Amino acid sequence: MIDTKAILKKLDAIKYPLLILAFGVFLMLLPSGRALDPTEEEMNTALERVLSCSDGVGEVRILISETGVIVACEGAENPKVKLDILHAIGSYTGFGSERITILKMVK
């Protein structure tokens, strides 16, 4: 027969270490937040890749800061391309058009 009193006595002796271990495992399983907060360099690279694949944009370079975005691309002389870039960057960064500058890239 199982001696429940002995088992409960042993569990009582190790309940705090088990609790600390369970809490540590819980903390390790929480998301770190790193994936939710990309760096400016990661944002620049991601936007450059997407925009360079878009029709009419051509080669593109992007600089993102806390105050705004500067884009230099080959297709900036085309108003439709410029508007598409403005919408894409505004959607991705949350910046309004007054904080996004699009320049024609010269080689």
N, C-alpha and C. Protein backbone atom coordinates (compact mmCIF):
# COMPACT_ATOMS: atom_id res chain seq x y z
N MET A 1 0.83 -1.18 0.00
CA MET A 1 0.00 0.00 0.00
C MET A 1 0.88 1.25 0.00
N ILE A 2 0.40 2.30 -0.67
CA ILE A 2 1.16 3.54 -0.80
C ILE A 2 0.99 4.36 0.48
N ASP A 3 2.12 4.81 0.99
CA ASP A 3 2.12 5.63 2.20
C ASP A 3 2.00 7.10 1.78
N THR A 4 0.78 7.63 1.73
CA THR A 4 0.54 9.00 1.26
C THR A 4 1.14 10.04 2.19
N LYS A 5 1.19 9.74 3.48
CA LYS A 5 1.78 10.70 4.42
C LYS A 5 3.27 10.90 4.14
N ALA A 6 3.96 9.82 3.81
CA ALA A 6 5.39 9.91 3.51
C ALA A 6 5.63 10.68 2.22
N ILE A 7 4.77 10.45 1.24
CA ILE A 7 4.89 11.18 -0.04
C ILE A 7 4.63 12.65 0.17
N LEU A 8 3.59 12.98 0.91
CA LEU A 8 3.28 14.39 1.18
C LEU A 8 4.38 15.07 1.97
N LYS A 9 4.99 14.34 2.89
CA LYS A 9 6.10 14.89 3.68
C LYS A 9 7.30 15.20 2.77
N LYS A 10 7.60 14.29 1.83
CA LYS A 10 8.71 14.51 0.89
C LYS A 10 8.41 15.68 -0.04
N LEU A 11 7.17 15.77 -0.54
CA LEU A 11 6.79 16.88 -1.40
C LEU A 11 6.84 18.21 -0.66
N ASP A 12 6.45 18.20 0.60
CA ASP A 12 6.49 19.41 1.40
C ASP A 12 7.92 19.92 1.55
N ALA A 13 8.86 19.01 1.63
CA ALA A 13 10.27 19.38 1.80
C ALA A 13 10.86 20.01 0.54
N ILE A 14 10.31 19.67 -0.64
CA ILE A 14 10.88 20.20 -1.90
C ILE A 14 9.92 21.12 -2.65
N LYS A 15 8.85 21.57 -2.01
CA LYS A 15 7.86 22.36 -2.74
C LYS A 15 8.42 23.71 -3.21
N TYR A 16 9.26 24.36 -2.41
CA TYR A 16 9.79 25.66 -2.83
C TYR A 16 10.79 25.55 -3.97
N PRO A 17 11.73 24.60 -3.93
CA PRO A 17 12.60 24.44 -5.10
C PRO A 17 11.81 24.09 -6.37
N LEU A 18 10.77 23.26 -6.24
CA LEU A 18 9.94 22.93 -7.41
C LEU A 18 9.20 24.16 -7.93
N LEU A 19 8.72 24.97 -7.02
CA LEU A 19 8.03 26.19 -7.41
C LEU A 19 8.97 27.15 -8.15
N ILE A 20 10.18 27.30 -7.65
CA ILE A 20 11.17 28.16 -8.30
C ILE A 20 11.54 27.59 -9.67
N LEU A 21 11.71 26.29 -9.77
CA LEU A 21 12.01 25.65 -11.05
C LEU A 21 10.89 25.88 -12.05
N ALA A 22 9.64 25.70 -11.62
CA ALA A 22 8.49 25.90 -12.52
C ALA A 22 8.42 27.36 -12.97
N PHE A 23 8.69 28.28 -12.08
CA PHE A 23 8.67 29.71 -12.44
C PHE A 23 9.78 30.02 -13.45
N GLY A 24 10.96 29.43 -13.25
CA GLY A 24 12.07 29.63 -14.19
C GLY A 24 11.74 29.11 -15.58
N VAL A 25 11.12 27.94 -15.65
CA VAL A 25 10.72 27.37 -16.94
C VAL A 25 9.68 28.28 -17.60
N PHE A 26 8.74 28.77 -16.81
CA PHE A 26 7.73 29.69 -17.33
C PHE A 26 8.38 30.93 -17.93
N LEU A 27 9.35 31.52 -17.24
CA LEU A 27 10.03 32.71 -17.74
C LEU A 27 10.80 32.44 -19.04
N MET A 28 11.40 31.26 -19.12
CA MET A 28 12.14 30.92 -20.34
C MET A 28 11.22 30.74 -21.53
N LEU A 29 9.99 30.35 -21.30
CA LEU A 29 9.04 30.12 -22.38
C LEU A 29 8.38 31.40 -22.87
N LEU A 30 8.49 32.48 -22.10
CA LEU A 30 7.92 33.75 -22.54
C LEU A 30 8.69 34.28 -23.73
N PRO A 31 8.00 34.95 -24.67
CA PRO A 31 8.73 35.53 -25.80
C PRO A 31 9.66 36.62 -25.31
N SER A 32 10.80 36.72 -25.95
CA SER A 32 11.82 37.68 -25.50
C SER A 32 11.50 39.11 -25.90
N GLY A 33 10.61 39.30 -26.86
CA GLY A 33 10.33 40.64 -27.35
C GLY A 33 11.24 41.04 -28.48
N ARG A 34 12.32 40.35 -28.69
CA ARG A 34 13.28 40.68 -29.75
C ARG A 34 12.62 40.62 -31.12
N ALA A 35 11.84 39.61 -31.35
CA ALA A 35 11.20 39.47 -32.65
C ALA A 35 10.13 40.53 -32.86
N LEU A 36 9.61 41.09 -31.80
CA LEU A 36 8.56 42.09 -31.92
C LEU A 36 9.11 43.49 -32.11
N ASP A 37 10.39 43.66 -31.86
CA ASP A 37 10.99 44.98 -31.94
C ASP A 37 12.22 44.95 -32.84
N PRO A 38 12.00 44.99 -34.16
CA PRO A 38 13.15 44.91 -35.07
C PRO A 38 14.02 46.16 -34.97
N THR A 39 15.31 45.99 -35.19
CA THR A 39 16.22 47.12 -35.18
C THR A 39 16.01 47.94 -36.44
N GLU A 40 16.55 49.15 -36.43
CA GLU A 40 16.43 50.01 -37.61
C GLU A 40 17.10 49.35 -38.82
N GLU A 41 18.23 48.70 -38.60
CA GLU A 41 18.93 48.04 -39.70
C GLU A 41 18.09 46.92 -40.30
N GLU A 42 17.42 46.13 -39.45
CA GLU A 42 16.56 45.06 -39.94
C GLU A 42 15.37 45.62 -40.71
N MET A 43 14.83 46.73 -40.23
CA MET A 43 13.71 47.37 -40.93
C MET A 43 14.17 47.90 -42.29
N ASN A 44 15.34 48.53 -42.32
CA ASN A 44 15.89 49.04 -43.58
C ASN A 44 16.04 47.92 -44.60
N THR A 45 16.66 46.82 -44.17
CA THR A 45 16.92 45.70 -45.06
C THR A 45 15.62 45.08 -45.57
N ALA A 46 14.66 44.89 -44.68
CA ALA A 46 13.39 44.29 -45.07
C ALA A 46 12.66 45.17 -46.09
N LEU A 47 12.61 46.46 -45.83
CA LEU A 47 11.93 47.37 -46.77
C LEU A 47 12.66 47.45 -48.10
N GLU A 48 13.98 47.49 -48.07
CA GLU A 48 14.74 47.54 -49.31
C GLU A 48 14.45 46.31 -50.18
N ARG A 49 14.41 45.14 -49.55
CA ARG A 49 14.13 43.92 -50.31
C ARG A 49 12.75 43.95 -50.94
N VAL A 50 11.76 44.34 -50.16
CA VAL A 50 10.39 44.35 -50.67
C VAL A 50 10.22 45.41 -51.76
N LEU A 51 10.69 46.60 -51.50
CA LEU A 51 10.50 47.68 -52.49
C LEU A 51 11.28 47.43 -53.77
N SER A 52 12.47 46.85 -53.67
CA SER A 52 13.25 46.61 -54.89
C SER A 52 12.57 45.59 -55.80
N CYS A 53 11.69 44.78 -55.25
CA CYS A 53 10.94 43.80 -56.05
C CYS A 53 9.67 44.40 -56.64
N SER A 54 9.31 45.60 -56.21
CA SER A 54 8.08 46.23 -56.67
C SER A 54 8.27 46.85 -58.04
N ASP A 55 7.21 46.87 -58.82
CA ASP A 55 7.24 47.35 -60.19
C ASP A 55 7.66 48.82 -60.26
N GLY A 56 8.73 49.09 -61.01
CA GLY A 56 9.15 50.45 -61.29
C GLY A 56 10.09 51.07 -60.27
N VAL A 57 10.30 50.44 -59.14
CA VAL A 57 11.13 51.04 -58.09
C VAL A 57 12.60 50.97 -58.46
N GLY A 58 13.06 49.83 -58.93
CA GLY A 58 14.48 49.67 -59.25
C GLY A 58 15.31 49.52 -58.00
N GLU A 59 16.57 49.94 -58.10
CA GLU A 59 17.46 49.88 -56.94
C GLU A 59 16.98 50.87 -55.89
N VAL A 60 17.09 50.47 -54.63
CA VAL A 60 16.56 51.32 -53.56
C VAL A 60 17.46 51.26 -52.33
N ARG A 61 17.56 52.39 -51.64
CA ARG A 61 18.27 52.49 -50.36
C ARG A 61 17.34 53.21 -49.39
N ILE A 62 17.30 52.73 -48.16
CA ILE A 62 16.38 53.29 -47.17
C ILE A 62 17.12 53.59 -45.87
N LEU A 63 16.77 54.71 -45.27
CA LEU A 63 17.29 55.09 -43.96
C LEU A 63 16.10 55.39 -43.07
N ILE A 64 15.98 54.63 -41.96
CA ILE A 64 14.88 54.82 -41.02
C ILE A 64 15.46 55.30 -39.70
N SER A 65 14.85 56.35 -39.16
CA SER A 65 15.23 56.83 -37.83
C SER A 65 13.96 57.03 -37.02
N GLU A 66 14.11 57.48 -35.80
CA GLU A 66 12.94 57.73 -34.95
C GLU A 66 12.08 58.87 -35.49
N THR A 67 12.69 59.74 -36.28
CA THR A 67 11.95 60.92 -36.76
C THR A 67 11.40 60.78 -38.17
N GLY A 68 11.82 59.78 -38.90
CA GLY A 68 11.30 59.64 -40.26
C GLY A 68 12.04 58.65 -41.11
N VAL A 69 11.70 58.66 -42.41
CA VAL A 69 12.28 57.72 -43.36
C VAL A 69 12.75 58.49 -44.59
N ILE A 70 13.92 58.14 -45.08
CA ILE A 70 14.43 58.69 -46.35
C ILE A 70 14.63 57.52 -47.28
N VAL A 71 14.09 57.65 -48.49
CA VAL A 71 14.20 56.61 -49.51
C VAL A 71 14.86 57.22 -50.74
N ALA A 72 15.84 56.54 -51.27
CA ALA A 72 16.43 56.91 -52.56
C ALA A 72 16.24 55.71 -53.48
N CYS A 73 15.59 55.95 -54.64
CA CYS A 73 15.38 54.84 -55.57
C CYS A 73 15.41 55.35 -57.00
N GLU A 74 15.63 54.42 -57.92
CA GLU A 74 15.72 54.76 -59.34
C GLU A 74 14.38 55.22 -59.91
N GLY A 75 13.29 54.68 -59.42
CA GLY A 75 11.98 54.98 -60.00
C GLY A 75 11.24 56.15 -59.37
N ALA A 76 11.92 56.96 -58.60
CA ALA A 76 11.26 58.04 -57.86
C ALA A 76 10.67 59.13 -58.75
N GLU A 77 11.07 59.20 -60.01
CA GLU A 77 10.51 60.23 -60.89
C GLU A 77 9.08 59.90 -61.33
N ASN A 78 8.68 58.65 -61.18
CA ASN A 78 7.33 58.22 -61.54
C ASN A 78 6.39 58.47 -60.36
N PRO A 79 5.36 59.32 -60.54
CA PRO A 79 4.45 59.64 -59.43
C PRO A 79 3.75 58.42 -58.83
N LYS A 80 3.38 57.45 -59.67
CA LYS A 80 2.71 56.25 -59.15
C LYS A 80 3.65 55.43 -58.27
N VAL A 81 4.89 55.29 -58.72
CA VAL A 81 5.89 54.56 -57.93
C VAL A 81 6.13 55.29 -56.61
N LYS A 82 6.22 56.60 -56.69
CA LYS A 82 6.46 57.40 -55.48
C LYS A 82 5.30 57.23 -54.49
N LEU A 83 4.08 57.25 -54.98
CA LEU A 83 2.91 57.07 -54.11
C LEU A 83 2.87 55.65 -53.53
N ASP A 84 3.21 54.66 -54.34
CA ASP A 84 3.25 53.28 -53.84
C ASP A 84 4.28 53.13 -52.72
N ILE A 85 5.44 53.74 -52.90
CA ILE A 85 6.49 53.69 -51.88
C ILE A 85 6.00 54.39 -50.61
N LEU A 86 5.39 55.54 -50.78
CA LEU A 86 4.88 56.31 -49.64
C LEU A 86 3.87 55.48 -48.84
N HIS A 87 2.95 54.82 -49.53
CA HIS A 87 1.95 53.98 -48.85
C HIS A 87 2.60 52.78 -48.17
N ALA A 88 3.52 52.13 -48.85
CA ALA A 88 4.17 50.95 -48.29
C ALA A 88 4.96 51.30 -47.02
N ILE A 89 5.72 52.37 -47.08
CA ILE A 89 6.52 52.75 -45.92
C ILE A 89 5.64 53.26 -44.79
N GLY A 90 4.60 54.00 -45.14
CA GLY A 90 3.66 54.46 -44.12
C GLY A 90 2.98 53.30 -43.42
N SER A 91 2.60 52.28 -44.18
CA SER A 91 1.96 51.11 -43.59
C SER A 91 2.91 50.34 -42.68
N TYR A 92 4.15 50.22 -43.10
CA TYR A 92 5.11 49.43 -42.35
C TYR A 92 5.60 50.14 -41.09
N THR A 93 5.85 51.46 -41.21
CA THR A 93 6.44 52.19 -40.09
C THR A 93 5.43 52.95 -39.24
N GLY A 94 4.28 53.26 -39.83
CA GLY A 94 3.30 54.07 -39.11
C GLY A 94 3.55 55.57 -39.26
N PHE A 95 4.57 55.96 -40.01
CA PHE A 95 4.86 57.37 -40.23
C PHE A 95 3.89 57.96 -41.25
N GLY A 96 3.53 59.21 -41.04
CA GLY A 96 2.72 59.92 -42.01
C GLY A 96 3.58 60.40 -43.17
N SER A 97 2.94 60.86 -44.24
CA SER A 97 3.67 61.28 -45.44
C SER A 97 4.62 62.44 -45.17
N GLU A 98 4.33 63.25 -44.14
CA GLU A 98 5.21 64.39 -43.83
C GLU A 98 6.54 63.94 -43.22
N ARG A 99 6.63 62.68 -42.84
CA ARG A 99 7.87 62.16 -42.26
C ARG A 99 8.59 61.19 -43.17
N ILE A 100 8.14 61.11 -44.43
CA ILE A 100 8.76 60.22 -45.42
C ILE A 100 9.23 61.06 -46.60
N THR A 101 10.51 60.93 -46.93
CA THR A 101 11.08 61.65 -48.07
C THR A 101 11.55 60.64 -49.10
N ILE A 102 11.15 60.85 -50.35
CA ILE A 102 11.53 59.95 -51.44
C ILE A 102 12.36 60.73 -52.45
N LEU A 103 13.57 60.26 -52.70
CA LEU A 103 14.50 60.94 -53.59
C LEU A 103 14.84 60.05 -54.78
N LYS A 104 15.16 60.69 -55.92
CA LYS A 104 15.60 59.93 -57.10
C LYS A 104 17.05 59.57 -56.92
N MET A 105 17.35 58.29 -57.10
CA MET A 105 18.72 57.81 -57.00
C MET A 105 19.47 58.11 -58.28
N VAL A 106 20.66 58.65 -58.14
CA VAL A 106 21.53 58.94 -59.29
C VAL A 106 22.73 58.03 -59.16
N LYS A 107 23.04 57.36 -60.27
CA LYS A 107 24.19 56.44 -60.27
C LYS A 107 25.42 57.13 -60.77
